[in-house]
Amino acid sequence: MTSAAARAMADTGLTVVTLLKRDRARTLVRSAFPRRRAQLVPIKAASDLDACLTRQLIDAVIIDAGLGEDAVRAMARADDFCSVPFVVMTSMLPAEAPVIARASEFGVADILVDGVDDAENFFWLHSFLRRVPAAVAGGGHPPQDPAINAVSRADSCRKQYRRHLAA
């Protein structure tokens, strides 16, 4: 892990881990999460992701599909850390197709397409992440949003079914 990543993890607030290869993806994430709203923790490899996820509470993980197998290794951690939304960014190049195809297999929360889903589509992530501190401050009761509860139940059922098939 880089020293910048270690400094970012020391701060409190909204923490977003980024595993990005392309400059366009970095620019888009920086514009969607300015410093006053979130602390971005850039990592260089999927192996650094485990260290981030186990040392500090992470609010989201954003992965660039252009990383190929490294992106697949990072997405594979989504099942183990199901409370953290994993988001994949893609420019829809043919080389990224296998990575995108495997995203649903690993329980990725969303796929953002470069040029189509620009920074405005990070709104859903911002709104979801704002509810968590509010729930903790409000006595620990989760927000009563039927859409989020339905998604959570569906994800839990899907993961249990996959584990049952694997056994």
Foldseek 3Di string as FASTA:
>chain_A
DDPLLVVLQVDDAAEEEEADDDPLVVVQVCVLAPPVHYRYRYDDFLVVVVVSVVPHPHAEYEYELVVPPRSVSNLLCCLVVVNYAYEYEYQPDPSSVVVVVCNVVSPHPYYHHPPPCTSVVCVVSSVVSVQVVVCVVVVNHHDPDVVVVVVVVVVVVVSVVVVVVVD
